[in-house]
């Protein structure tokens, strides 16, 4: 998503100023979401058969 520090969030501007963050900061890549989606897709692949 990479919108955690955008100005559309009211707290983002104050957070950047308070901690003296770089103006164009972006979040660090976090693979945990992809891993969760991978296992969700493979373990819960679809509907079960009635039979």
PDB file of N, CA and C in Angstrom:
ATOM      1  N   UNK A   1       0.828  -1.183   0.000  1.00  0.00           N
ATOM      2  CA  UNK A   1       0.000   0.000   0.000  1.00  0.00           C
ATOM      3  C   UNK A   1       0.873   1.249   0.000  1.00  0.00           C
ATOM      4  N   UNK A   2       1.867   1.297   0.835  1.00  0.00           N
ATOM      5  CA  UNK A   2       2.825   2.398   0.925  1.00  0.00           C
ATOM      6  C   UNK A   2       2.170   3.757   1.123  1.00  0.00           C
ATOM      7  N   UNK A   3       1.081   3.798   1.852  1.00  0.00           N
ATOM      8  CA  UNK A   3       0.421   5.074   2.118  1.00  0.00           C
ATOM      9  C   UNK A   3       0.477   5.441   3.600  1.00  0.00           C
ATOM     10  N   UNK A   4       1.297   4.759   4.362  1.00  0.00           N
ATOM     11  CA  UNK A   4       1.327   4.969   5.811  1.00  0.00           C
ATOM     12  C   UNK A   4       1.764   6.368   6.200  1.00  0.00           C
ATOM     13  N   UNK A   5       2.607   6.994   5.397  1.00  0.00           N
ATOM     14  CA  UNK A   5       3.122   8.308   5.764  1.00  0.00           C
ATOM     15  C   UNK A   5       2.682   9.404   4.803  1.00  0.00           C
ATOM     16  N   UNK A   6       1.673   9.163   3.991  1.00  0.00           N
ATOM     17  CA  UNK A   6       1.188  10.189   3.068  1.00  0.00           C
ATOM     18  C   UNK A   6       0.439  11.266   3.825  1.00  0.00           C
ATOM     19  N   UNK A   7       0.310  12.428   3.188  1.00  0.00           N
ATOM     20  CA  UNK A   7      -0.365  13.555   3.826  1.00  0.00           C
ATOM     21  C   UNK A   7      -1.877  13.374   3.912  1.00  0.00           C
ATOM     22  N   UNK A   8      -2.426  12.352   3.253  1.00  0.00           N
ATOM     23  CA  UNK A   8      -3.869  12.147   3.335  1.00  0.00           C
ATOM     24  C   UNK A   8      -4.286  11.701   4.733  1.00  0.00           C
ATOM     25  N   UNK A   9      -3.341  11.138   5.479  1.00  0.00           N
ATOM     26  CA  UNK A   9      -3.612  10.786   6.866  1.00  0.00           C
ATOM     27  C   UNK A   9      -3.260  11.987   7.735  1.00  0.00           C
ATOM     28  N   UNK A  10      -4.134  12.364   8.621  1.00  0.00           N
ATOM     29  CA  UNK A  10      -3.916  13.567   9.418  1.00  0.00           C
ATOM     30  C   UNK A  10      -2.721  13.441  10.349  1.00  0.00           C
ATOM     31  N   UNK A  11      -2.430  12.248  10.795  1.00  0.00           N
ATOM     32  CA  UNK A  11      -1.318  12.072  11.718  1.00  0.00           C
ATOM     33  C   UNK A  11       0.024  11.976  11.017  1.00  0.00           C
ATOM     34  N   UNK A  12       0.033  11.743   9.701  1.00  0.00           N
ATOM     35  CA  UNK A  12       1.278  11.468   8.985  1.00  0.00           C
ATOM     36  C   UNK A  12       2.228  12.659   8.972  1.00  0.00           C
ATOM     37  N   UNK A  13       1.721  13.836   8.712  1.00  0.00           N
ATOM     38  CA  UNK A  13       2.577  15.022   8.656  1.00  0.00           C
ATOM     39  C   UNK A  13       3.209  15.288  10.017  1.00  0.00           C
ATOM     40  N   UNK A  14       2.418  15.223  11.066  1.00  0.00           N
ATOM     41  CA  UNK A  14       2.949  15.454  12.414  1.00  0.00           C
ATOM     42  C   UNK A  14       3.964  14.383  12.794  1.00  0.00           C
ATOM     43  N   UNK A  15       3.715  13.149  12.406  1.00  0.00           N
ATOM     44  CA  UNK A  15       4.630  12.050  12.722  1.00  0.00           C
ATOM     45  C   UNK A  15       5.980  12.263  12.047  1.00  0.00           C
ATOM     46  N   UNK A  16       5.949  12.663  10.782  1.00  0.00           N
ATOM     47  CA  UNK A  16       7.204  12.910  10.056  1.00  0.00           C
ATOM     48  C   UNK A  16       7.983  14.049  10.689  1.00  0.00           C
ATOM     49  N   UNK A  17       7.291  15.112  11.073  1.00  0.00           N
ATOM     50  CA  UNK A  17       7.970  16.259  11.687  1.00  0.00           C
ATOM     51  C   UNK A  17       8.488  15.920  13.079  1.00  0.00           C
ATOM     52  N   UNK A  18       7.695  15.208  13.845  1.00  0.00           N
ATOM     53  CA  UNK A  18       8.072  14.877  15.215  1.00  0.00           C
ATOM     54  C   UNK A  18       9.339  14.025  15.259  1.00  0.00           C
ATOM     55  N   UNK A  19       9.454  13.068  14.352  1.00  0.00           N
ATOM     56  CA  UNK A  19      10.604  12.169  14.354  1.00  0.00           C
ATOM     57  C   UNK A  19      11.639  12.535  13.295  1.00  0.00           C
ATOM     58  N   UNK A  20      11.492  13.698  12.679  1.00  0.00           N
ATOM     59  CA  UNK A  20      12.436  14.203  11.668  1.00  0.00           C
ATOM     60  C   UNK A  20      12.698  13.169  10.578  1.00  0.00           C
ATOM     61  N   UNK A  21      11.610  12.609  10.063  1.00  0.00           N
ATOM     62  CA  UNK A  21      11.733  11.616   9.000  1.00  0.00           C
ATOM     63  C   UNK A  21      11.935  12.293   7.655  1.00  0.00           C
ATOM     64  N   UNK A  22      12.511  11.551   6.733  1.00  0.00           N
ATOM     65  CA  UNK A  22      12.739  12.026   5.380  1.00  0.00           C
ATOM     66  C   UNK A  22      11.398  12.357   4.725  1.00  0.00           C
ATOM     67  N   UNK A  23      11.364  13.386   3.903  1.00  0.00           N
ATOM     68  CA  UNK A  23      10.112  13.856   3.305  1.00  0.00           C
ATOM     69  C   UNK A  23       9.413  12.773   2.477  1.00  0.00           C
ATOM     70  N   UNK A  24      10.191  11.984   1.763  1.00  0.00           N
ATOM     71  CA  UNK A  24       9.608  10.976   0.868  1.00  0.00           C
ATOM     72  C   UNK A  24       9.820   9.568   1.407  1.00  0.00           C
ATOM     73  N   UNK A  25       9.614   9.382   2.701  1.00  0.00           N
ATOM     74  CA  UNK A  25       9.843   8.080   3.328  1.00  0.00           C
ATOM     75  C   UNK A  25       8.844   7.049   2.805  1.00  0.00           C
ATOM     76  N   UNK A  26       9.326   5.823   2.660  1.00  0.00           N
ATOM     77  CA  UNK A  26       8.482   4.705   2.247  1.00  0.00           C
ATOM     78  C   UNK A  26       8.679   3.569   3.225  1.00  0.00           C
ATOM     79  N   UNK A  27       7.672   2.740   3.432  1.00  0.00           N
ATOM     80  CA  UNK A  27       7.826   1.640   4.370  1.00  0.00           C
ATOM     81  C   UNK A  27       8.799   0.585   3.851  1.00  0.00           C
ATOM     82  N   UNK A  28       9.403  -0.136   4.768  1.00  0.00           N
ATOM     83  CA  UNK A  28      10.310  -1.224   4.417  1.00  0.00           C
ATOM     84  C   UNK A  28       9.476  -2.391   3.913  1.00  0.00           C
ATOM     85  N   UNK A  29       9.996  -3.118   2.940  1.00  0.00           N
ATOM     86  CA  UNK A  29       9.309  -4.282   2.398  1.00  0.00           C
ATOM     87  C   UNK A  29       9.077  -5.298   3.508  1.00  0.00           C
ATOM     88  N   UNK A  30       7.863  -5.739   3.641  1.00  0.00           N
ATOM     89  CA  UNK A  30       7.504  -6.702   4.667  1.00  0.00           C
ATOM     90  C   UNK A  30       6.905  -7.933   3.997  1.00  0.00           C
ATOM     91  N   UNK A  31       7.619  -9.054   3.999  1.00  0.00           N
ATOM     92  CA  UNK A  31       7.135 -10.250   3.303  1.00  0.00           C
ATOM     93  C   UNK A  31       6.049 -11.018   4.049  1.00  0.00           C
ATOM     94  N   UNK A  32       5.720 -10.643   5.260  1.00  0.00           N
ATOM     95  CA  UNK A  32       4.761 -11.433   6.031  1.00  0.00           C
ATOM     96  C   UNK A  32       3.370 -11.451   5.396  1.00  0.00           C
ATOM     97  N   UNK A  33       2.948 -10.351   4.774  1.00  0.00           N
ATOM     98  CA  UNK A  33       1.638 -10.338   4.114  1.00  0.00           C
ATOM     99  C   UNK A  33       1.621 -11.334   2.961  1.00  0.00           C
ATOM    100  N   UNK A  34       2.681 -11.336   2.156  1.00  0.00           N
ATOM    101  CA  UNK A  34       2.738 -12.272   1.026  1.00  0.00           C
ATOM    102  C   UNK A  34       2.767 -13.717   1.498  1.00  0.00           C
ATOM    103  N   UNK A  35       3.503 -13.983   2.571  1.00  0.00           N
ATOM    104  CA  UNK A  35       3.537 -15.345   3.104  1.00  0.00           C
ATOM    105  C   UNK A  35       2.162 -15.768   3.598  1.00  0.00           C
ATOM    106  N   UNK A  36       1.481 -14.877   4.280  1.00  0.00           N
ATOM    107  CA  UNK A  36       0.137 -15.188   4.752  1.00  0.00           C
ATOM    108  C   UNK A  36      -0.826 -15.462   3.609  1.00  0.00           C
ATOM    109  N   UNK A  37      -0.759 -14.646   2.567  1.00  0.00           N
ATOM    110  CA  UNK A  37      -1.626 -14.848   1.403  1.00  0.00           C
ATOM    111  C   UNK A  37      -1.287 -16.143   0.674  1.00  0.00           C
ATOM    112  N   UNK A  38      -0.007 -16.486   0.600  1.00  0.00           N
ATOM    113  CA  UNK A  38       0.415 -17.731  -0.048  1.00  0.00           C
ATOM    114  C   UNK A  38      -0.194 -18.929   0.666  1.00  0.00           C
ATOM    115  N   UNK A  39      -0.022 -18.985   1.989  1.00  0.00           N
ATOM    116  CA  UNK A  39      -0.534 -20.127   2.734  1.00  0.00           C
ATOM    117  C   UNK A  39      -2.055 -20.142   2.775  1.00  0.00           C
ATOM    118  N   UNK A  40      -2.683 -18.991   2.829  1.00  0.00           N
ATOM    119  CA  UNK A  40      -4.147 -18.942   2.797  1.00  0.00           C
ATOM    120  C   UNK A  40      -4.657 -19.528   1.488  1.00  0.00           C
ATOM    121  N   UNK A  41      -4.012 -19.160   0.391  1.00  0.00           N
ATOM    122  CA  UNK A  41      -4.430 -19.639  -0.922  1.00  0.00           C
ATOM    123  C   UNK A  41      -4.214 -21.137  -1.069  1.00  0.00           C
ATOM    124  N   UNK A  42      -3.093 -21.642  -0.561  1.00  0.00           N
ATOM    125  CA  UNK A  42      -2.784 -23.054  -0.732  1.00  0.00           C
ATOM    126  C   UNK A  42      -3.496 -23.960   0.268  1.00  0.00           C
ATOM    127  N   UNK A  43      -3.742 -23.478   1.451  1.00  0.00           N
ATOM    128  CA  UNK A  43      -4.421 -24.309   2.437  1.00  0.00           C
ATOM    129  C   UNK A  43      -5.940 -24.237   2.316  1.00  0.00           C
ATOM    130  N   UNK A  44      -6.451 -23.079   1.958  1.00  0.00           N
ATOM    131  CA  UNK A  44      -7.893 -22.885   1.822  1.00  0.00           C
ATOM    132  C   UNK A  44      -8.192 -22.516   0.375  1.00  0.00           C
ATOM    133  N   UNK A  45      -7.931 -23.447  -0.523  1.00  0.00           N
ATOM    134  CA  UNK A  45      -7.995 -23.180  -1.950  1.00  0.00           C
ATOM    135  C   UNK A  45      -9.377 -22.957  -2.529  1.00  0.00           C
ATOM    136  N   UNK A  46     -10.399 -23.422  -1.901  1.00  0.00           N
ATOM    137  CA  UNK A  46     -11.724 -23.239  -2.478  1.00  0.00           C
ATOM    138  C   UNK A  46     -12.786 -23.968  -1.676  1.00  0.00           C
ATOM    139  N   UNK A  47     -13.926 -24.138  -2.290  1.00  0.00           N
ATOM    140  CA  UNK A  47     -15.051 -24.797  -1.629  1.00  0.00           C
ATOM    141  C   UNK A  47     -14.834 -26.303  -1.576  1.00  0.00           C
ATOM    142  N   UNK A  48     -15.348 -26.930  -0.541  1.00  0.00           N
ATOM    143  CA  UNK A  48     -15.268 -28.379  -0.413  1.00  0.00           C
ATOM    144  C   UNK A  48     -16.435 -29.022  -1.143  1.00  0.00           C
ATOM    145  N   UNK A  49     -16.203 -30.231  -1.652  1.00  0.00           N
ATOM    146  CA  UNK A  49     -17.268 -30.979  -2.314  1.00  0.00           C
ATOM    147  C   UNK A  49     -18.257 -31.498  -1.277  1.00  0.00           C
ATOM    148  N   UNK A  50     -19.512 -31.557  -1.657  1.00  0.00           N
ATOM    149  CA  UNK A  50     -20.556 -32.060  -0.772  1.00  0.00           C
ATOM    150  C   UNK A  50     -20.412 -33.567  -0.583  1.00  0.00           C
ATOM    151  N   UNK A  51     -19.938 -34.254  -1.600  1.00  0.00           N
ATOM    152  CA  UNK A  51     -19.829 -35.726  -1.550  1.00  0.00           C
ATOM    153  C   UNK A  51     -18.795 -36.173  -0.598  1.00  0.00           C
TER     154      UNK A  51
END
